[in-house]
PDB file of N, CA and C in Angstrom:
ATOM      1  N   SER A   1     146.572 125.615  88.766  1.00  0.00           N
ATOM      2  CA  SER A   1     145.483 124.708  88.431  1.00  0.00           C
ATOM      3  C   SER A   1     144.543 124.560  89.620  1.00  0.00           C
ATOM      4  N   PHE A   2     143.328 124.155  89.348  1.00  0.00           N
ATOM      5  CA  PHE A   2     142.313 124.021  90.378  1.00  0.00           C
ATOM      6  C   PHE A   2     142.448 122.670  91.070  1.00  0.00           C
ATOM      7  N   CYS A   3     142.399 122.659  92.391  1.00  0.00           N
ATOM      8  CA  CYS A   3     142.454 121.417  93.167  1.00  0.00           C
ATOM      9  C   CYS A   3     141.243 121.390  94.086  1.00  0.00           C
ATOM     10  N   ALA A   4     140.538 120.259  94.109  1.00  0.00           N
ATOM     11  CA  ALA A   4     139.353 120.134  94.948  1.00  0.00           C
ATOM     12  C   ALA A   4     139.717 119.700  96.360  1.00  0.00           C
ATOM     13  N   CYS A   5     141.009 119.602  96.665  1.00  0.00           N
ATOM     14  CA  CYS A   5     141.448 119.168  97.993  1.00  0.00           C
ATOM     15  C   CYS A   5     141.179 120.271  99.008  1.00  0.00           C
ATOM     16  N   LYS A   6     140.926 119.849 100.223  1.00  0.00           N
ATOM     17  CA  LYS A   6     140.830 120.811 101.311  1.00  0.00           C
ATOM     18  C   LYS A   6     142.234 121.053 101.836  1.00  0.00           C
ATOM     19  N   VAL A   7     142.643 122.295 101.892  1.00  0.00           N
ATOM     20  CA  VAL A   7     143.989 122.624 102.351  1.00  0.00           C
ATOM     21  C   VAL A   7     143.867 123.461 103.622  1.00  0.00           C
ATOM     22  N   PHE A   8     144.546 123.016 104.664  1.00  0.00           N
ATOM     23  CA  PHE A   8     144.589 123.733 105.928  1.00  0.00           C
ATOM     24  C   PHE A   8     146.035 124.125 106.185  1.00  0.00           C
ATOM     25  N   LYS A   9     146.302 125.408 106.311  1.00  0.00           N
ATOM     26  CA  LYS A   9     147.670 125.853 106.548  1.00  0.00           C
ATOM     27  C   LYS A   9     147.816 126.291 107.990  1.00  0.00           C
ATOM     28  N   THR A  10     148.838 125.781 108.607  1.00  0.00           N
ATOM     29  CA  THR A  10     149.212 126.188 109.959  1.00  0.00           C
ATOM     30  C   THR A  10     150.637 126.704 109.863  1.00  0.00           C
ATOM     31  N   PRO A  11     151.158 127.352 110.884  1.00  0.00           N
ATOM     32  CA  PRO A  11     152.522 127.890 110.793  1.00  0.00           C
ATOM     33  C   PRO A  11     153.573 126.840 110.473  1.00  0.00           C
ATOM     34  N   SER A  12     153.408 125.591 110.945  1.00  0.00           N
ATOM     35  CA  SER A  12     154.485 124.624 110.786  1.00  0.00           C
ATOM     36  C   SER A  12     154.206 123.543 109.753  1.00  0.00           C
ATOM     37  N   LEU A  13     152.964 123.382 109.292  1.00  0.00           N
ATOM     38  CA  LEU A  13     152.696 122.302 108.353  1.00  0.00           C
ATOM     39  C   LEU A  13     151.480 122.611 107.495  1.00  0.00           C
ATOM     40  N   THR A  14     151.388 121.926 106.380  1.00  0.00           N
ATOM     41  CA  THR A  14     150.236 122.031 105.495  1.00  0.00           C
ATOM     42  C   THR A  14     149.574 120.664 105.446  1.00  0.00           C
ATOM     43  N   ILE A  15     148.262 120.639 105.618  1.00  0.00           N
ATOM     44  CA  ILE A  15     147.526 119.381 105.655  1.00  0.00           C
ATOM     45  C   ILE A  15     146.579 119.346 104.460  1.00  0.00           C
ATOM     46  N   TYR A  16     146.631 118.265 103.679  1.00  0.00           N
ATOM     47  CA  TYR A  16     145.724 118.047 102.560  1.00  0.00           C
ATOM     48  C   TYR A  16     144.765 116.927 102.945  1.00  0.00           C
ATOM     49  N   ASN A  17     143.471 117.249 103.044  1.00  0.00           N
ATOM     50  CA  ASN A  17     142.450 116.264 103.391  1.00  0.00           C
ATOM     51  C   ASN A  17     142.841 115.452 104.622  1.00  0.00           C
ATOM     52  N   GLY A  18     143.407 116.066 105.608  1.00  0.00           N
ATOM     53  CA  GLY A  18     143.717 115.388 106.861  1.00  0.00           C
ATOM     54  C   GLY A  18     145.028 114.628 106.864  1.00  0.00           C
ATOM     55  N   THR A  19     145.837 114.689 105.805  1.00  0.00           N
ATOM     56  CA  THR A  19     147.091 113.942 105.757  1.00  0.00           C
ATOM     57  C   THR A  19     148.240 114.925 105.608  1.00  0.00           C
ATOM     58  N   HIS A  20     149.189 114.861 106.489  1.00  0.00           N
ATOM     59  CA  HIS A  20     150.351 115.742 106.441  1.00  0.00           C
ATOM     60  C   HIS A  20     151.258 115.289 105.300  1.00  0.00           C
ATOM     61  N   GLN A  21     151.684 116.230 104.453  1.00  0.00           N
ATOM     62  CA  GLN A  21     152.462 115.888 103.268  1.00  0.00           C
ATOM     63  C   GLN A  21     153.800 115.254 103.607  1.00  0.00           C
ATOM     64  N   SER A  22     154.447 115.676 104.683  1.00  0.00           N
ATOM     65  CA  SER A  22     155.740 115.075 105.008  1.00  0.00           C
ATOM     66  C   SER A  22     155.563 113.624 105.441  1.00  0.00           C
ATOM     67  N   LEU A  23     154.399 113.298 106.019  1.00  0.00           N
ATOM     68  CA  LEU A  23     154.142 111.899 106.378  1.00  0.00           C
ATOM     69  C   LEU A  23     153.995 111.048 105.131  1.00  0.00           C
ATOM     70  N   LEU A  24     153.349 111.596 104.099  1.00  0.00           N
ATOM     71  CA  LEU A  24     153.201 110.841 102.866  1.00  0.00           C
ATOM     72  C   LEU A  24     154.546 110.585 102.207  1.00  0.00           C
ATOM     73  N   SER A  25     155.449 111.543 102.293  1.00  0.00           N
ATOM     74  CA  SER A  25     156.751 111.360 101.661  1.00  0.00           C
ATOM     75  C   SER A  25     157.626 110.364 102.429  1.00  0.00           C
ATOM     76  N   GLN A  26     157.313 110.106 103.686  1.00  0.00           N
ATOM     77  CA  GLN A  26     158.101 109.178 104.489  1.00  0.00           C
ATOM     78  C   GLN A  26     157.610 107.732 104.398  1.00  0.00           C
ATOM     79  N   LEU A  27     156.506 107.494 103.717  1.00  0.00           N
ATOM     80  CA  LEU A  27     155.984 106.134 103.610  1.00  0.00           C
ATOM     81  C   LEU A  27     156.964 105.251 102.852  1.00  0.00           C
ATOM     82  N   PRO A  28     157.120 103.974 103.262  1.00  0.00           N
ATOM     83  CA  PRO A  28     158.038 103.073 102.572  1.00  0.00           C
ATOM     84  C   PRO A  28     157.479 102.574 101.239  1.00  0.00           C
ATOM     85  N   PHE A  29     156.306 103.015 100.855  1.00  0.00           N
ATOM     86  CA  PHE A  29     155.695 102.590  99.602  1.00  0.00           C
ATOM     87  C   PHE A  29     155.034 103.801  98.948  1.00  0.00           C
ATOM     88  N   GLN A  30     154.734 103.668  97.687  1.00  0.00           N
ATOM     89  CA  GLN A  30     154.075 104.738  96.944  1.00  0.00           C
ATOM     90  C   GLN A  30     152.574 104.489  96.934  1.00  0.00           C
ATOM     91  N   LEU A  31     151.804 105.552  97.080  1.00  0.00           N
ATOM     92  CA  LEU A  31     150.367 105.428  96.974  1.00  0.00           C
ATOM     93  C   LEU A  31     149.991 105.501  95.499  1.00  0.00           C
ATOM     94  N   THR A  32     149.563 104.363  94.950  1.00  0.00           N
ATOM     95  CA  THR A  32     149.178 104.322  93.553  1.00  0.00           C
ATOM     96  C   THR A  32     147.765 103.759  93.459  1.00  0.00           C
ATOM     97  N   PRO A  33     147.045 104.085  92.413  1.00  0.00           N
ATOM     98  CA  PRO A  33     145.711 103.519  92.267  1.00  0.00           C
ATOM     99  C   PRO A  33     145.786 102.015  92.084  1.00  0.00           C
ATOM    100  N   SER A  34     144.768 101.319  92.573  1.00  0.00           N
ATOM    101  CA  SER A  34     144.772  99.865  92.450  1.00  0.00           C
ATOM    102  C   SER A  34     144.602  99.477  90.986  1.00  0.00           C
ATOM    103  N   PRO A  35     145.190  98.338  90.591  1.00  0.00           N
ATOM    104  CA  PRO A  35     145.088  97.916  89.192  1.00  0.00           C
ATOM    105  C   PRO A  35     143.651  97.497  88.867  1.00  0.00           C
ATOM    106  N   LEU A  36     143.352  97.463  87.591  1.00  0.00           N
ATOM    107  CA  LEU A  36     142.028  97.032  87.161  1.00  0.00           C
ATOM    108  C   LEU A  36     141.806  95.579  87.574  1.00  0.00           C
ATOM    109  N   PRO A  37     140.564  95.207  87.900  1.00  0.00           N
ATOM    110  CA  PRO A  37     140.317  93.825  88.304  1.00  0.00           C
ATOM    111  C   PRO A  37     140.582  92.856  87.144  1.00  0.00           C
ATOM    112  N   LEU A  38     141.110  91.713  87.489  1.00  0.00           N
ATOM    113  CA  LEU A  38     141.391  90.696  86.490  1.00  0.00           C
ATOM    114  C   LEU A  38     140.097  89.996  86.103  1.00  0.00           C
ATOM    115  N   GLN A  39     140.139  89.291  84.985  1.00  0.00           N
ATOM    116  CA  GLN A  39     138.953  88.566  84.517  1.00  0.00           C
ATOM    117  C   GLN A  39     138.537  87.519  85.535  1.00  0.00           C
ATOM    118  N   ALA A  40     139.500  86.875  86.196  1.00  0.00           N
ATOM    119  CA  ALA A  40     139.177  85.856  87.203  1.00  0.00           C
ATOM    120  C   ALA A  40     138.445  86.488  88.389  1.00  0.00           C
ATOM    121  N   ASP A  41     138.838  87.715  88.763  1.00  0.00           N
ATOM    122  CA  ASP A  41     138.156  88.413  89.856  1.00  0.00           C
ATOM    123  C   ASP A  41     136.716  88.725  89.482  1.00  0.00           C
ATOM    124  N   LYS A  42     136.504  89.142  88.245  1.00  0.00           N
ATOM    125  CA  LYS A  42     135.148  89.440  87.786  1.00  0.00           C
ATOM    126  C   LYS A  42     134.289  88.177  87.792  1.00  0.00           C
ATOM    127  N   LEU A  43     134.861  87.072  87.339  1.00  0.00           N
ATOM    128  CA  LEU A  43     134.128  85.808  87.308  1.00  0.00           C
ATOM    129  C   LEU A  43     133.779  85.353  88.718  1.00  0.00           C
ATOM    130  N   ARG A  44     134.733  85.454  89.646  1.00  0.00           N
ATOM    131  CA  ARG A  44     134.494  85.053  91.036  1.00  0.00           C
ATOM    132  C   ARG A  44     133.395  85.921  91.658  1.00  0.00           C
ATOM    133  N   THR A  45     133.436  87.215  91.385  1.00  0.00           N
ATOM    134  CA  THR A  45     132.417  88.121  91.904  1.00  0.00           C
ATOM    135  C   THR A  45     131.043  87.752  91.351  1.00  0.00           C
ATOM    136  N   GLN A  46     130.977  87.452  90.062  1.00  0.00           N
ATOM    137  CA  GLN A  46     129.708  87.061  89.432  1.00  0.00           C
ATOM    138  C   GLN A  46     129.185  85.766  90.037  1.00  0.00           C
ATOM    139  N   GLN A  47     130.063  84.793  90.272  1.00  0.00           N
ATOM    140  CA  GLN A  47     129.647  83.519  90.868  1.00  0.00           C
ATOM    141  C   GLN A  47     129.141  83.720  92.293  1.00  0.00           C
ATOM    142  N   GLN A  48     129.812  84.575  93.054  1.00  0.00           N
ATOM    143  CA  GLN A  48     129.372  84.847  94.418  1.00  0.00           C
ATOM    144  C   GLN A  48     128.011  85.521  94.427  1.00  0.00           C
ATOM    145  N   LEU A  49     127.781  86.424  93.482  1.00  0.00           N
ATOM    146  CA  LEU A  49     126.491  87.090  93.380  1.00  0.00           C
ATOM    147  C   LEU A  49     125.393  86.088  93.039  1.00  0.00           C
ATOM    148  N   GLU A  50     125.665  85.178  92.124  1.00  0.00           N
ATOM    149  CA  GLU A  50     124.681  84.161  91.760  1.00  0.00           C
ATOM    150  C   GLU A  50     124.374  83.246  92.929  1.00  0.00           C
ATOM    151  N   GLN A  51     125.395  82.865  93.717  1.00  0.00           N
ATOM    152  CA  GLN A  51     125.166  82.036  94.906  1.00  0.00           C
ATOM    153  C   GLN A  51     124.311  82.778  95.920  1.00  0.00           C
ATOM    154  N   LEU A  52     124.587  84.053  96.113  1.00  0.00           N
ATOM    155  CA  LEU A  52     123.813  84.873  97.040  1.00  0.00           C
ATOM    156  C   LEU A  52     122.360  84.957  96.594  1.00  0.00           C
ATOM    157  N   GLN A  53     122.134  85.172  95.298  1.00  0.00           N
ATOM    158  CA  GLN A  53     120.775  85.270  94.786  1.00  0.00           C
ATOM    159  C   GLN A  53     120.030  83.950  94.874  1.00  0.00           C
ATOM    160  N   ALA A  54     120.750  82.836  94.732  1.00  0.00           N
ATOM    161  CA  ALA A  54     120.108  81.529  94.861  1.00  0.00           C
ATOM    162  C   ALA A  54     119.749  81.236  96.317  1.00  0.00           C
ATOM    163  N   ARG A  55     120.566  81.703  97.236  1.00  0.00           N
ATOM    164  CA  ARG A  55     120.354  81.413  98.658  1.00  0.00           C
ATOM    165  C   ARG A  55     119.276  82.292  99.269  1.00  0.00           C
ATOM    166  N   TYR A  56     119.255  83.555  98.909  1.00  0.00           N
ATOM    167  CA  TYR A  56     118.320  84.505  99.512  1.00  0.00           C
ATOM    168  C   TYR A  56     117.352  85.029  98.460  1.00  0.00           C
ATOM    169  N   VAL A  57     116.064  84.901  98.732  1.00  0.00           N
ATOM    170  CA  VAL A  57     115.032  85.227  97.758  1.00  0.00           C
ATOM    171  C   VAL A  57     115.044  86.709  97.398  1.00  0.00           C
ATOM    172  N   GLY A  58     115.188  87.589  98.353  1.00  0.00           N
ATOM    173  CA  GLY A  58     114.986  89.010  98.124  1.00  0.00           C
ATOM    174  C   GLY A  58     116.169  89.775  97.575  1.00  0.00           C
ATOM    175  N   THR A  59     117.251  89.117  97.159  1.00  0.00           N
ATOM    176  CA  THR A  59     118.421  89.861  96.688  1.00  0.00           C
ATOM    177  C   THR A  59     118.241  90.420  95.287  1.00  0.00           C
ATOM    178  N   GLY A  60     117.286  89.908  94.537  1.00  0.00           N
ATOM    179  CA  GLY A  60     116.993  90.453  93.220  1.00  0.00           C
ATOM    180  C   GLY A  60     117.990  90.024  92.162  1.00  0.00           C
ATOM    181  N   HIS A  61     117.678  90.405  90.929  1.00  0.00           N
ATOM    182  CA  HIS A  61     118.526  90.106  89.780  1.00  0.00           C
ATOM    183  C   HIS A  61     118.209  91.131  88.698  1.00  0.00           C
ATOM    184  N   ALA A  62     118.792  90.991  87.558  1.00  0.00           N
ATOM    185  CA  ALA A  62     118.622  91.985  86.502  1.00  0.00           C
ATOM    186  C   ALA A  62     117.177  92.056  86.008  1.00  0.00           C
ATOM    187  N   ASP A  63     116.425  90.968  86.109  1.00  0.00           N
ATOM    188  CA  ASP A  63     115.053  90.941  85.606  1.00  0.00           C
ATOM    189  C   ASP A  63     114.008  91.180  86.692  1.00  0.00           C
ATOM    190  N   THR A  64     114.419  91.619  87.874  1.00  0.00           N
ATOM    191  CA  THR A  64     113.473  91.889  88.953  1.00  0.00           C
ATOM    192  C   THR A  64     112.597  93.079  88.577  1.00  0.00           C
ATOM    193  N   THR A  65     111.289  92.878  88.687  1.00  0.00           N
ATOM    194  CA  THR A  65     110.370  93.967  88.358  1.00  0.00           C
ATOM    195  C   THR A  65     110.218  94.892  89.561  1.00  0.00           C
ATOM    196  N   LYS A  66     109.645  96.041  89.302  1.00  0.00           N
ATOM    197  CA  LYS A  66     109.402  97.008  90.378  1.00  0.00           C
ATOM    198  C   LYS A  66     108.455  96.412  91.417  1.00  0.00           C
ATOM    199  N   PHE A  67     107.457  95.671  90.961  1.00  0.00           N
ATOM    200  CA  PHE A  67     106.495  95.039  91.867  1.00  0.00           C
ATOM    201  C   PHE A  67     107.181  94.003  92.756  1.00  0.00           C
ATOM    202  N   GLU A  68     108.039  93.149  92.159  1.00  0.00           N
ATOM    203  CA  GLU A  68     108.762  92.142  92.941  1.00  0.00           C
ATOM    204  C   GLU A  68     109.665  92.814  93.974  1.00  0.00           C
ATOM    205  N   TRP A  69     110.358  93.867  93.557  1.00  0.00           N
ATOM    206  CA  TRP A  69     111.251  94.577  94.472  1.00  0.00           C
ATOM    207  C   TRP A  69     110.466  95.161  95.638  1.00  0.00           C
ATOM    208  N   ALA A  70     109.339  95.817  95.345  1.00  0.00           N
ATOM    209  CA  ALA A  70     108.514  96.415  96.398  1.00  0.00           C
ATOM    210  C   ALA A  70     107.951  95.342  97.324  1.00  0.00           C
ATOM    211  N   SER A  71     107.549  94.202  96.763  1.00  0.00           N
ATOM    212  CA  SER A  71     107.033  93.098  97.586  1.00  0.00           C
ATOM    213  C   SER A  71     108.113  92.568  98.522  1.00  0.00           C
ATOM    214  N   ASN A  72     109.350  92.443  98.013  1.00  0.00           N
ATOM    215  CA  ASN A  72     110.456  91.970  98.851  1.00  0.00           C
ATOM    216  C   ASN A  72     110.737  92.948  99.990  1.00  0.00           C
ATOM    217  N   ILE A  73     110.738  94.249  99.692  1.00  0.00           N
ATOM    218  CA  ILE A  73     110.990  95.256 100.716  1.00  0.00           C
ATOM    219  C   ILE A  73     109.895  95.210 101.772  1.00  0.00           C
ATOM    220  N   HIS A  74     108.643  95.106 101.332  1.00  0.00           N
ATOM    221  CA  HIS A  74     107.505  95.059 102.255  1.00  0.00           C
ATOM    222  C   HIS A  74     107.591  93.831 103.161  1.00  0.00           C
ATOM    223  N   ARG A  75     107.841  92.666 102.566  1.00  0.00           N
ATOM    224  CA  ARG A  75     107.950  91.423 103.332  1.00  0.00           C
ATOM    225  C   ARG A  75     109.110  91.486 104.333  1.00  0.00           C
ATOM    226  N   ASP A  76     110.258  92.003 103.886  1.00  0.00           N
ATOM    227  CA  ASP A  76     111.421  92.091 104.768  1.00  0.00           C
ATOM    228  C   ASP A  76     111.192  93.085 105.902  1.00  0.00           C
ATOM    229  N   SER A  77     110.488  94.172 105.611  1.00  0.00           N
ATOM    230  CA  SER A  77     110.186  95.157 106.659  1.00  0.00           C
ATOM    231  C   SER A  77     109.284  94.546 107.728  1.00  0.00           C
ATOM    232  N   LEU A  78     108.246  93.855 107.305  1.00  0.00           N
ATOM    233  CA  LEU A  78     107.345  93.220 108.275  1.00  0.00           C
ATOM    234  C   LEU A  78     108.087  92.167 109.105  1.00  0.00           C
ATOM    235  N   ALA A  79     108.953  91.396 108.462  1.00  0.00           N
ATOM    236  CA  ALA A  79     109.733  90.392 109.184  1.00  0.00           C
ATOM    237  C   ALA A  79     110.654  91.065 110.201  1.00  0.00           C
ATOM    238  N   SER A  80     111.207  92.213 109.852  1.00  0.00           N
ATOM    239  CA  SER A  80     112.070  92.941 110.779  1.00  0.00           C
ATOM    240  C   SER A  80     111.278  93.468 111.971  1.00  0.00           C
ATOM    241  N   TYR A  81     110.078  93.989 111.712  1.00  0.00           N
ATOM    242  CA  TYR A  81     109.244  94.479 112.812  1.00  0.00           C
ATOM    243  C   TYR A  81     108.913  93.350 113.773  1.00  0.00           C
ATOM    244  N   ILE A  82     108.614  92.170 113.226  1.00  0.00           N
ATOM    245  CA  ILE A  82     108.267  91.019 114.061  1.00  0.00           C
ATOM    246  C   ILE A  82     109.487  90.526 114.829  1.00  0.00           C
ATOM    247  N   GLY A  83     110.638  90.548 114.180  1.00  0.00           N
ATOM    248  CA  GLY A  83     111.855  90.000 114.779  1.00  0.00           C
ATOM    249  C   GLY A  83     112.536  90.889 115.791  1.00  0.00           C
ATOM    250  N   HIS A  84     112.144  92.149 115.886  1.00  0.00           N
ATOM    251  CA  HIS A  84     112.752  93.070 116.848  1.00  0.00           C
ATOM    252  C   HIS A  84     111.672  93.528 117.829  1.00  0.00           C
ATOM    253  N   PRO A  85     111.603  92.897 119.012  1.00  0.00           N
ATOM    254  CA  PRO A  85     110.530  93.195 119.973  1.00  0.00           C
ATOM    255  C   PRO A  85     110.368  94.678 120.320  1.00  0.00           C
ATOM    256  N   PRO A  86     111.439  95.452 120.515  1.00  0.00           N
ATOM    257  CA  PRO A  86     111.206  96.872 120.817  1.00  0.00           C
ATOM    258  C   PRO A  86     110.513  97.617 119.668  1.00  0.00           C
ATOM    259  N   LEU A  87     110.872  97.267 118.444  1.00  0.00           N
ATOM    260  CA  LEU A  87     110.245  97.898 117.287  1.00  0.00           C
ATOM    261  C   LEU A  87     108.780  97.480 117.181  1.00  0.00           C
ATOM    262  N   LEU A  88     108.510  96.204 117.465  1.00  0.00           N
ATOM    263  CA  LEU A  88     107.130  95.719 117.456  1.00  0.00           C
ATOM    264  C   LEU A  88     106.313  96.430 118.535  1.00  0.00           C
ATOM    265  N   ALA A  89     106.897  96.620 119.714  1.00  0.00           N
ATOM    266  CA  ALA A  89     106.202  97.325 120.792  1.00  0.00           C
ATOM    267  C   ALA A  89     105.915  98.769 120.397  1.00  0.00           C
ATOM    268  N   TYR A  90     106.857  99.408 119.716  1.00  0.00           N
ATOM    269  CA  TYR A  90     106.671 100.788 119.262  1.00  0.00           C
ATOM    270  C   TYR A  90     105.535 100.867 118.251  1.00  0.00           C
ATOM    271  N   MET A  91     105.520  99.929 117.314  1.00  0.00           N
ATOM    272  CA  MET A  91     104.458  99.906 116.298  1.00  0.00           C
ATOM    273  C   MET A  91     103.105  99.640 116.956  1.00  0.00           C
ATOM    274  N   ALA A  92     103.076  98.704 117.903  1.00  0.00           N
ATOM    275  CA  ALA A  92     101.820  98.381 118.589  1.00  0.00           C
ATOM    276  C   ALA A  92     101.308  99.586 119.371  1.00  0.00           C
ATOM    277  N   LEU A  93     102.208 100.296 120.016  1.00  0.00           N
ATOM    278  CA  LEU A  93     101.824 101.489 120.768  1.00  0.00           C
ATOM    279  C   LEU A  93     101.230 102.541 119.836  1.00  0.00           C
ATOM    280  N   GLY A  94     101.865 102.737 118.702  1.00  0.00           N
ATOM    281  CA  GLY A  94     101.372 103.712 117.737  1.00  0.00           C
ATOM    282  C   GLY A  94     100.026 103.324 117.144  1.00  0.00           C
ATOM    283  N   MET A  95      99.792 102.024 117.003  1.00  0.00           N
ATOM    284  CA  MET A  95      98.528 101.554 116.447  1.00  0.00           C
ATOM    285  C   MET A  95      97.443 101.412 117.509  1.00  0.00           C
ATOM    286  N   GLY A  96      97.848 101.450 118.771  1.00  0.00           N
ATOM    287  CA  GLY A  96      96.884 101.299 119.859  1.00  0.00           C
ATOM    288  C   GLY A  96      96.365  99.883 119.991  1.00  0.00           C
ATOM    289  N   GLU A  97      97.168  98.905 119.642  1.00  0.00           N
ATOM    290  CA  GLU A  97      96.789  97.490 119.689  1.00  0.00           C
ATOM    291  C   GLU A  97      97.801  96.727 120.532  1.00  0.00           C
ATOM    292  N   PRO A  98      97.408  95.550 121.070  1.00  0.00           N
ATOM    293  CA  PRO A  98      98.374  94.712 121.793  1.00  0.00           C
ATOM    294  C   PRO A  98      99.453  94.185 120.836  1.00  0.00           C
ATOM    295  N   LYS A  99     100.643  93.913 121.403  1.00  0.00           N
ATOM    296  CA  LYS A  99     101.762  93.445 120.578  1.00  0.00           C
ATOM    297  C   LYS A  99     101.422  92.169 119.821  1.00  0.00           C
ATOM    298  N   GLU A 100     100.771  91.219 120.480  1.00  0.00           N
ATOM    299  CA  GLU A 100     100.482  89.941 119.829  1.00  0.00           C
ATOM    300  C   GLU A 100      99.500  90.100 118.675  1.00  0.00           C
ATOM    301  N   LYS A 101      98.572  91.031 118.816  1.00  0.00           N
ATOM    302  CA  LYS A 101      97.620  91.277 117.727  1.00  0.00           C
ATOM    303  C   LYS A 101      98.342  91.890 116.524  1.00  0.00           C
ATOM    304  N   VAL A 102      99.257  92.818 116.794  1.00  0.00           N
ATOM    305  CA  VAL A 102     100.032  93.432 115.715  1.00  0.00           C
ATOM    306  C   VAL A 102     100.935  92.395 115.061  1.00  0.00           C
ATOM    307  N   ARG A 103     101.553  91.529 115.882  1.00  0.00           N
ATOM    308  CA  ARG A 103     102.408  90.467 115.335  1.00  0.00           C
ATOM    309  C   ARG A 103     101.601  89.560 114.408  1.00  0.00           C
ATOM    310  N   ALA A 104     100.412  89.159 114.851  1.00  0.00           N
ATOM    311  CA  ALA A 104      99.560  88.295 114.029  1.00  0.00           C
ATOM    312  C   ALA A 104      99.145  89.000 112.742  1.00  0.00           C
ATOM    313  N   MET A 105      98.837  90.288 112.837  1.00  0.00           N
ATOM    314  CA  MET A 105      98.448  91.051 111.660  1.00  0.00           C
ATOM    315  C   MET A 105      99.611  91.133 110.669  1.00  0.00           C
ATOM    316  N   PHE A 106     100.828  91.386 111.169  1.00  0.00           N
ATOM    317  CA  PHE A 106     101.996  91.458 110.291  1.00  0.00           C
ATOM    318  C   PHE A 106     102.284  90.099 109.650  1.00  0.00           C
ATOM    319  N   LEU A 107     102.110  89.013 110.400  1.00  0.00           N
ATOM    320  CA  LEU A 107     102.323  87.690 109.836  1.00  0.00           C
ATOM    321  C   LEU A 107     101.303  87.410 108.741  1.00  0.00           C
ATOM    322  N   GLU A 108     100.071  87.790 108.966  1.00  0.00           N
ATOM    323  CA  GLU A 108      99.018  87.565 107.980  1.00  0.00           C
ATOM    324  C   GLU A 108      99.264  88.387 106.723  1.00  0.00           C
ATOM    325  N   VAL A 109      99.607  89.655 106.906  1.00  0.00           N
ATOM    326  CA  VAL A 109      99.857  90.535 105.758  1.00  0.00           C
ATOM    327  C   VAL A 109     101.118  90.114 105.016  1.00  0.00           C
ATOM    328  N   GLY A 110     102.135  89.646 105.740  1.00  0.00           N
ATOM    329  CA  GLY A 110     103.400  89.268 105.113  1.00  0.00           C
ATOM    330  C   GLY A 110     103.289  88.050 104.218  1.00  0.00           C
ATOM    331  N   ASP A 111     102.298  87.203 104.434  1.00  0.00           N
ATOM    332  CA  ASP A 111     102.134  86.003 103.606  1.00  0.00           C
ATOM    333  C   ASP A 111     101.467  86.279 102.264  1.00  0.00           C
ATOM    334  N   THR A 112     100.704  87.357 102.208  1.00  0.00           N
ATOM    335  CA  THR A 112      99.991  87.669 100.970  1.00  0.00           C
ATOM    336  C   THR A 112     100.816  88.641 100.134  1.00  0.00           C
ATOM    337  N   PRO A 113     100.850  88.449  98.812  1.00  0.00           N
ATOM    338  CA  PRO A 113     101.596  89.400  97.979  1.00  0.00           C
ATOM    339  C   PRO A 113     100.919  90.766  97.970  1.00  0.00           C
ATOM    340  N   ALA A 114     101.718  91.795  97.782  1.00  0.00           N
ATOM    341  CA  ALA A 114     101.191  93.172  97.789  1.00  0.00           C
ATOM    342  C   ALA A 114     100.343  93.358  96.618  1.00  0.00           C
TER     343      ALA A 114
END
């Protein structure tokens, strides 16, 4: 049968995807797939996602439009440029403007929707 595993053969051992087979047989437990998530786990995950979306504006939801998503990415990118001085200096150098002027421009652009 066909196996997609990578097999490396050496004189003394065979390695499957970086794991020696004799080591796997010596484990005190069996490697089995994890069980399906319980309904309570799904509910907890959903509640955590809703809390995250309520706390942070840009996390999105099922009804987020392409425009809203792009606006969030644009706003977050500008905020990141402003918040990381080396990145702001790099952008200012590329634009040929002083850092403070670029910072002010990014703040002005970040307040207006795309």
